[in-house]
Amino acid sequence: MRRLVNRPVAVEWLSRPRDRRFFPMRIYWDGAWHDVPELFLGFHHTYGERDALRHVWEVCTDGHWFRLVLDPRSLIWTLEIVADD
């Protein structure tokens, strides 16, 4: 079941300067940490321009699907949608 959440979440993320990539590695949601295997990073895109730019990831973890949005100015992650198996 998909649920619209739109709440800030804690995310541990990895930055790879060599290939200019960054992505979420772990998400704290619903009282537990959920690991994101690199194989299940899914779709990444951006929207907005300049001051309103946002990075969006759709990732799979252990039985959950998350749509995460990163605001690069504030470095705040927002969980927009979560789906359970």
Protein backbone atom coordinates (compact mmCIF):
# COMPACT_ATOMS: atom_id res chain seq x y z
CA MET A 1 0.00 0.00 0.00
CA ARG A 2 1.37 3.44 -0.97
CA ARG A 3 1.18 6.23 1.59
CA LEU A 4 1.87 9.92 1.10
CA VAL A 5 4.11 10.98 3.99
CA ASN A 6 5.93 14.29 3.27
CA ARG A 7 7.99 14.26 6.47
CA PRO A 8 11.69 14.88 7.11
CA VAL A 9 13.69 11.68 7.69
CA ALA A 10 17.21 10.79 8.74
CA VAL A 11 19.32 9.51 5.85
CA GLU A 12 22.92 8.33 5.80
CA TRP A 13 24.32 8.98 2.36
CA LEU A 14 27.52 8.36 0.49
CA SER A 15 29.39 10.81 -1.70
CA ARG A 16 31.78 9.63 -4.40
CA PRO A 17 33.72 12.67 -5.63
CA ARG A 18 35.69 10.62 -8.15
CA ASP A 19 32.63 9.88 -10.26
CA ARG A 20 30.58 12.86 -8.95
CA ARG A 21 27.81 10.73 -7.45
CA PHE A 22 25.98 10.75 -4.16
CA PHE A 23 23.15 8.54 -3.00
CA PRO A 24 21.28 7.35 0.11
CA MET A 25 22.67 4.30 1.92
CA ARG A 26 20.35 4.01 4.97
CA ILE A 27 16.96 5.50 5.85
CA TYR A 28 15.53 5.83 9.36
CA TRP A 29 11.81 5.31 9.07
CA ASP A 30 9.12 3.98 11.39
CA GLY A 31 11.55 3.38 14.25
CA ALA A 32 14.13 1.36 12.29
CA TRP A 33 17.07 1.78 9.94
CA HIS A 34 16.53 0.41 6.43
CA ASP A 35 19.64 -0.36 4.37
CA VAL A 36 19.56 0.54 0.68
CA PRO A 37 21.68 -1.87 -1.35
CA GLU A 38 23.41 -0.10 -4.22
CA LEU A 39 21.73 -2.53 -6.59
CA PHE A 40 18.30 -1.17 -5.52
CA LEU A 41 19.00 2.56 -5.80
CA GLY A 42 16.44 2.83 -8.54
CA PHE A 43 15.54 6.03 -10.31
CA HIS A 44 17.28 9.38 -9.63
CA HIS A 45 16.21 12.68 -11.16
CA THR A 46 16.06 16.37 -10.36
CA TYR A 47 13.37 18.98 -10.71
CA GLY A 48 13.21 22.73 -10.22
CA GLU A 49 15.83 25.31 -11.04
CA ARG A 50 18.57 27.15 -9.16
CA ASP A 51 17.30 27.91 -5.63
CA ALA A 52 14.41 25.47 -5.93
CA LEU A 53 16.40 22.47 -7.25
CA ARG A 54 15.53 19.11 -5.66
CA HIS A 55 17.11 15.65 -6.05
CA VAL A 56 14.69 12.72 -6.04
CA TRP A 57 15.51 9.05 -5.44
CA GLU A 58 13.16 6.10 -5.64
CA VAL A 59 14.77 3.20 -3.77
CA CYS A 60 13.89 -0.30 -2.54
CA THR A 61 14.90 -1.73 0.81
CA ASP A 62 13.86 -4.74 2.86
CA GLY A 63 10.19 -4.86 1.88
CA HIS A 64 9.71 -1.11 1.41
CA TRP A 65 9.81 1.32 -1.48
CA PHE A 66 10.70 4.94 -0.71
CA ARG A 67 10.58 8.18 -2.66
CA LEU A 68 13.17 10.50 -1.06
CA VAL A 69 13.78 14.15 -1.89
CA LEU A 70 16.95 16.04 -0.99
CA ASP A 71 17.03 19.83 -0.74
CA PRO A 72 20.68 20.60 -1.59
CA ARG A 73 20.60 24.04 0.05
CA SER A 74 19.49 22.84 3.49
CA LEU A 75 20.60 19.18 3.13
CA ILE A 76 17.23 18.08 4.52
CA TRP A 77 15.82 14.79 3.27
CA THR A 78 12.06 14.41 2.93
CA LEU A 79 10.23 11.13 2.61
CA GLU A 80 7.42 11.83 0.15
CA ILE A 81 5.96 8.37 -0.43
CA VAL A 82 6.44 4.95 1.16
CA ALA A 83 5.01 1.63 -0.02
CA ASP A 84 4.98 -1.69 1.79
CA ASP A 85 4.89 -5.17 0.29
